[in-house]
Amino acid sequence: MAISRASVLTGHVLGNVIQTMISLVLVIGVALARGVGLGALGYLWARSAFAKQ
């Protein structure tokens, strides 16, 4: 049975999206468990994303 290339690519992309969403939920869950408020999450992300290294 033949499988089209688009089907393989779609499955790969959807798998990555699901994995990323699960990781995002876990990271936010750990942050909330440690006591970081929801308002601080955006600030902390921006600070770490644009920090000079």
PDB file of N, CA and C in Angstrom:
ATOM      1  N   MET A   1       0.853  -1.172   0.000  1.00  0.00           N
ATOM      2  CA  MET A   1       0.000   0.000   0.000  1.00  0.00           C
ATOM      3  C   MET A   1       0.898   1.234   0.000  1.00  0.00           C
ATOM      4  N   ALA A   2       0.677   2.111  -0.933  1.00  0.00           N
ATOM      5  CA  ALA A   2       1.496   3.298  -1.088  1.00  0.00           C
ATOM      6  C   ALA A   2       1.039   4.395  -0.120  1.00  0.00           C
ATOM      7  N   ILE A   3       2.021   5.117   0.417  1.00  0.00           N
ATOM      8  CA  ILE A   3       1.744   6.251   1.293  1.00  0.00           C
ATOM      9  C   ILE A   3       2.348   7.486   0.627  1.00  0.00           C
ATOM     10  N   SER A   4       1.547   8.518   0.494  1.00  0.00           N
ATOM     11  CA  SER A   4       2.042   9.709  -0.197  1.00  0.00           C
ATOM     12  C   SER A   4       3.033  10.478   0.689  1.00  0.00           C
ATOM     13  N   ARG A   5       3.880  11.253   0.059  1.00  0.00           N
ATOM     14  CA  ARG A   5       4.862  12.053   0.789  1.00  0.00           C
ATOM     15  C   ARG A   5       4.193  13.079   1.691  1.00  0.00           C
ATOM     16  N   ALA A   6       3.077  13.623   1.223  1.00  0.00           N
ATOM     17  CA  ALA A   6       2.361  14.626   2.012  1.00  0.00           C
ATOM     18  C   ALA A   6       1.831  14.022   3.311  1.00  0.00           C
ATOM     19  N   SER A   7       1.420  12.771   3.265  1.00  0.00           N
ATOM     20  CA  SER A   7       0.922  12.110   4.474  1.00  0.00           C
ATOM     21  C   SER A   7       2.041  11.923   5.496  1.00  0.00           C
ATOM     22  N   VAL A   8       3.206  11.547   5.036  1.00  0.00           N
ATOM     23  CA  VAL A   8       4.345  11.366   5.931  1.00  0.00           C
ATOM     24  C   VAL A   8       4.745  12.699   6.542  1.00  0.00           C
ATOM     25  N   LEU A   9       4.807  13.737   5.730  1.00  0.00           N
ATOM     26  CA  LEU A   9       5.172  15.066   6.217  1.00  0.00           C
ATOM     27  C   LEU A   9       4.139  15.584   7.214  1.00  0.00           C
ATOM     28  N   THR A  10       2.863  15.400   6.912  1.00  0.00           N
ATOM     29  CA  THR A  10       1.801  15.846   7.814  1.00  0.00           C
ATOM     30  C   THR A  10       1.885  15.124   9.146  1.00  0.00           C
ATOM     31  N   GLY A  11       2.102  13.834   9.115  1.00  0.00           N
ATOM     32  CA  GLY A  11       2.244  13.070  10.354  1.00  0.00           C
ATOM     33  C   GLY A  11       3.431  13.527  11.175  1.00  0.00           C
ATOM     34  N   HIS A  12       4.532  13.822  10.520  1.00  0.00           N
ATOM     35  CA  HIS A  12       5.735  14.289  11.211  1.00  0.00           C
ATOM     36  C   HIS A  12       5.492  15.653  11.857  1.00  0.00           C
ATOM     37  N   VAL A  13       4.869  16.552  11.108  1.00  0.00           N
ATOM     38  CA  VAL A  13       4.593  17.898  11.631  1.00  0.00           C
ATOM     39  C   VAL A  13       3.621  17.828  12.805  1.00  0.00           C
ATOM     40  N   LEU A  14       2.561  17.060  12.672  1.00  0.00           N
ATOM     41  CA  LEU A  14       1.591  16.940  13.760  1.00  0.00           C
ATOM     42  C   LEU A  14       2.221  16.316  15.007  1.00  0.00           C
ATOM     43  N   GLY A  15       3.079  15.335  14.815  1.00  0.00           N
ATOM     44  CA  GLY A  15       3.784  14.733  15.944  1.00  0.00           C
ATOM     45  C   GLY A  15       4.656  15.747  16.664  1.00  0.00           C
ATOM     46  N   ASN A  16       5.353  16.580  15.916  1.00  0.00           N
ATOM     47  CA  ASN A  16       6.193  17.616  16.521  1.00  0.00           C
ATOM     48  C   ASN A  16       5.372  18.673  17.241  1.00  0.00           C
ATOM     49  N   VAL A  17       4.234  19.043  16.665  1.00  0.00           N
ATOM     50  CA  VAL A  17       3.366  20.027  17.309  1.00  0.00           C
ATOM     51  C   VAL A  17       2.845  19.487  18.633  1.00  0.00           C
ATOM     52  N   ILE A  18       2.408  18.242  18.647  1.00  0.00           N
ATOM     53  CA  ILE A  18       1.909  17.633  19.885  1.00  0.00           C
ATOM     54  C   ILE A  18       3.013  17.552  20.930  1.00  0.00           C
ATOM     55  N   GLN A  19       4.206  17.156  20.522  1.00  0.00           N
ATOM     56  CA  GLN A  19       5.334  17.067  21.452  1.00  0.00           C
ATOM     57  C   GLN A  19       5.683  18.445  22.019  1.00  0.00           C
ATOM     58  N   THR A  20       5.648  19.473  21.189  1.00  0.00           N
ATOM     59  CA  THR A  20       5.947  20.828  21.643  1.00  0.00           C
ATOM     60  C   THR A  20       4.892  21.320  22.624  1.00  0.00           C
ATOM     61  N   MET A  21       3.631  21.041  22.352  1.00  0.00           N
ATOM     62  CA  MET A  21       2.562  21.471  23.249  1.00  0.00           C
ATOM     63  C   MET A  21       2.670  20.783  24.608  1.00  0.00           C
ATOM     64  N   ILE A  22       2.996  19.502  24.613  1.00  0.00           N
ATOM     65  CA  ILE A  22       3.181  18.780  25.885  1.00  0.00           C
ATOM     66  C   ILE A  22       4.346  19.380  26.658  1.00  0.00           C
ATOM     67  N   SER A  23       5.441  19.680  25.981  1.00  0.00           N
ATOM     68  CA  SER A  23       6.596  20.287  26.645  1.00  0.00           C
ATOM     69  C   SER A  23       6.248  21.652  27.218  1.00  0.00           C
ATOM     70  N   LEU A  24       5.483  22.435  26.467  1.00  0.00           N
ATOM     71  CA  LEU A  24       5.076  23.756  26.932  1.00  0.00           C
ATOM     72  C   LEU A  24       4.216  23.656  28.187  1.00  0.00           C
ATOM     73  N   VAL A  25       3.286  22.720  28.197  1.00  0.00           N
ATOM     74  CA  VAL A  25       2.438  22.520  29.374  1.00  0.00           C
ATOM     75  C   VAL A  25       3.280  22.100  30.577  1.00  0.00           C
ATOM     76  N   LEU A  26       4.253  21.230  30.357  1.00  0.00           N
ATOM     77  CA  LEU A  26       5.121  20.795  31.457  1.00  0.00           C
ATOM     78  C   LEU A  26       5.964  21.946  32.002  1.00  0.00           C
ATOM     79  N   VAL A  27       6.511  22.764  31.128  1.00  0.00           N
ATOM     80  CA  VAL A  27       7.344  23.884  31.575  1.00  0.00           C
ATOM     81  C   VAL A  27       6.518  24.889  32.362  1.00  0.00           C
ATOM     82  N   ILE A  28       5.338  25.223  31.867  1.00  0.00           N
ATOM     83  CA  ILE A  28       4.476  26.162  32.584  1.00  0.00           C
ATOM     84  C   ILE A  28       4.011  25.550  33.899  1.00  0.00           C
ATOM     85  N   GLY A  29       3.715  24.250  33.900  1.00  0.00           N
ATOM     86  CA  GLY A  29       3.318  23.574  35.133  1.00  0.00           C
ATOM     87  C   GLY A  29       4.401  23.616  36.192  1.00  0.00           C
ATOM     88  N   VAL A  30       5.640  23.377  35.796  1.00  0.00           N
ATOM     89  CA  VAL A  30       6.757  23.442  36.745  1.00  0.00           C
ATOM     90  C   VAL A  30       6.944  24.865  37.240  1.00  0.00           C
ATOM     91  N   ALA A  31       6.825  25.840  36.357  1.00  0.00           N
ATOM     92  CA  ALA A  31       6.963  27.244  36.768  1.00  0.00           C
ATOM     93  C   ALA A  31       5.886  27.616  37.781  1.00  0.00           C
ATOM     94  N   LEU A  32       4.658  27.202  37.535  1.00  0.00           N
ATOM     95  CA  LEU A  32       3.575  27.505  38.467  1.00  0.00           C
ATOM     96  C   LEU A  32       3.765  26.772  39.792  1.00  0.00           C
ATOM     97  N   ALA A  33       4.263  25.538  39.739  1.00  0.00           N
ATOM     98  CA  ALA A  33       4.513  24.774  40.955  1.00  0.00           C
ATOM     99  C   ALA A  33       5.605  25.418  41.804  1.00  0.00           C
ATOM    100  N   ARG A  34       6.548  26.067  41.146  1.00  0.00           N
ATOM    101  CA  ARG A  34       7.626  26.737  41.880  1.00  0.00           C
ATOM    102  C   ARG A  34       7.208  28.106  42.386  1.00  0.00           C
ATOM    103  N   GLY A  35       6.017  28.551  42.016  1.00  0.00           N
ATOM    104  CA  GLY A  35       5.505  29.800  42.550  1.00  0.00           C
ATOM    105  C   GLY A  35       5.658  31.008  41.649  1.00  0.00           C
ATOM    106  N   VAL A  36       6.000  30.797  40.396  1.00  0.00           N
ATOM    107  CA  VAL A  36       6.111  31.916  39.461  1.00  0.00           C
ATOM    108  C   VAL A  36       4.699  32.273  39.020  1.00  0.00           C
ATOM    109  N   GLY A  37       4.306  33.528  39.165  1.00  0.00           N
ATOM    110  CA  GLY A  37       2.968  33.956  38.775  1.00  0.00           C
ATOM    111  C   GLY A  37       2.802  34.001  37.269  1.00  0.00           C
ATOM    112  N   LEU A  38       1.575  33.945  36.800  1.00  0.00           N
ATOM    113  CA  LEU A  38       1.324  33.952  35.358  1.00  0.00           C
ATOM    114  C   LEU A  38       1.808  35.237  34.703  1.00  0.00           C
ATOM    115  N   GLY A  39       1.709  36.370  35.404  1.00  0.00           N
ATOM    116  CA  GLY A  39       2.178  37.630  34.844  1.00  0.00           C
ATOM    117  C   GLY A  39       3.679  37.660  34.666  1.00  0.00           C
ATOM    118  N   ALA A  40       4.388  36.927  35.512  1.00  0.00           N
ATOM    119  CA  ALA A  40       5.844  36.924  35.443  1.00  0.00           C
ATOM    120  C   ALA A  40       6.369  36.003  34.347  1.00  0.00           C
ATOM    121  N   LEU A  41       5.557  35.071  33.876  1.00  0.00           N
ATOM    122  CA  LEU A  41       6.045  34.123  32.876  1.00  0.00           C
ATOM    123  C   LEU A  41       6.490  34.835  31.602  1.00  0.00           C
ATOM    124  N   GLY A  42       5.695  35.787  31.127  1.00  0.00           N
ATOM    125  CA  GLY A  42       6.059  36.519  29.922  1.00  0.00           C
ATOM    126  C   GLY A  42       7.314  37.346  30.116  1.00  0.00           C
ATOM    127  N   TYR A  43       7.419  37.983  31.275  1.00  0.00           N
ATOM    128  CA  TYR A  43       8.601  38.787  31.578  1.00  0.00           C
ATOM    129  C   TYR A  43       9.846  37.909  31.643  1.00  0.00           C
ATOM    130  N   LEU A  44       9.754  36.785  32.328  1.00  0.00           N
ATOM    131  CA  LEU A  44      10.924  35.909  32.459  1.00  0.00           C
ATOM    132  C   LEU A  44      11.328  35.323  31.113  1.00  0.00           C
ATOM    133  N   TRP A  45      10.340  34.977  30.283  1.00  0.00           N
ATOM    134  CA  TRP A  45      10.657  34.447  28.974  1.00  0.00           C
ATOM    135  C   TRP A  45      11.370  35.501  28.135  1.00  0.00           C
ATOM    136  N   ALA A  46      10.829  36.715  28.135  1.00  0.00           N
ATOM    137  CA  ALA A  46      11.429  37.781  27.341  1.00  0.00           C
ATOM    138  C   ALA A  46      12.837  38.102  27.837  1.00  0.00           C
ATOM    139  N   ARG A  47      13.017  38.114  29.149  1.00  0.00           N
ATOM    140  CA  ARG A  47      14.333  38.408  29.704  1.00  0.00           C
ATOM    141  C   ARG A  47      15.348  37.343  29.306  1.00  0.00           C
ATOM    142  N   SER A  48      14.948  36.079  29.340  1.00  0.00           N
ATOM    143  CA  SER A  48      15.891  35.021  28.992  1.00  0.00           C
ATOM    144  C   SER A  48      16.096  34.936  27.478  1.00  0.00           C
ATOM    145  N   ALA A  49      15.058  35.244  26.694  1.00  0.00           N
ATOM    146  CA  ALA A  49      15.180  35.149  25.242  1.00  0.00           C
ATOM    147  C   ALA A  49      16.092  36.232  24.676  1.00  0.00           C
ATOM    148  N   PHE A  50      16.091  37.405  25.300  1.00  0.00           N
ATOM    149  CA  PHE A  50      16.860  38.517  24.756  1.00  0.00           C
ATOM    150  C   PHE A  50      18.078  38.871  25.599  1.00  0.00           C
ATOM    151  N   ALA A  51      18.464  37.987  26.499  1.00  0.00           N
ATOM    152  CA  ALA A  51      19.623  38.245  27.360  1.00  0.00           C
ATOM    153  C   ALA A  51      20.906  38.193  26.530  1.00  0.00           C
ATOM    154  N   LYS A  52      21.800  39.076  26.823  1.00  0.00           N
ATOM    155  CA  LYS A  52      23.104  39.061  26.146  1.00  0.00           C
ATOM    156  C   LYS A  52      23.940  37.959  26.757  1.00  0.00           C
ATOM    157  N   GLN A  53      24.571  37.199  25.881  1.00  0.00           N
ATOM    158  CA  GLN A  53      25.386  36.085  26.369  1.00  0.00           C
ATOM    159  C   GLN A  53      26.832  36.325  26.123  1.00  0.00           C
TER     160      GLN A  53
END
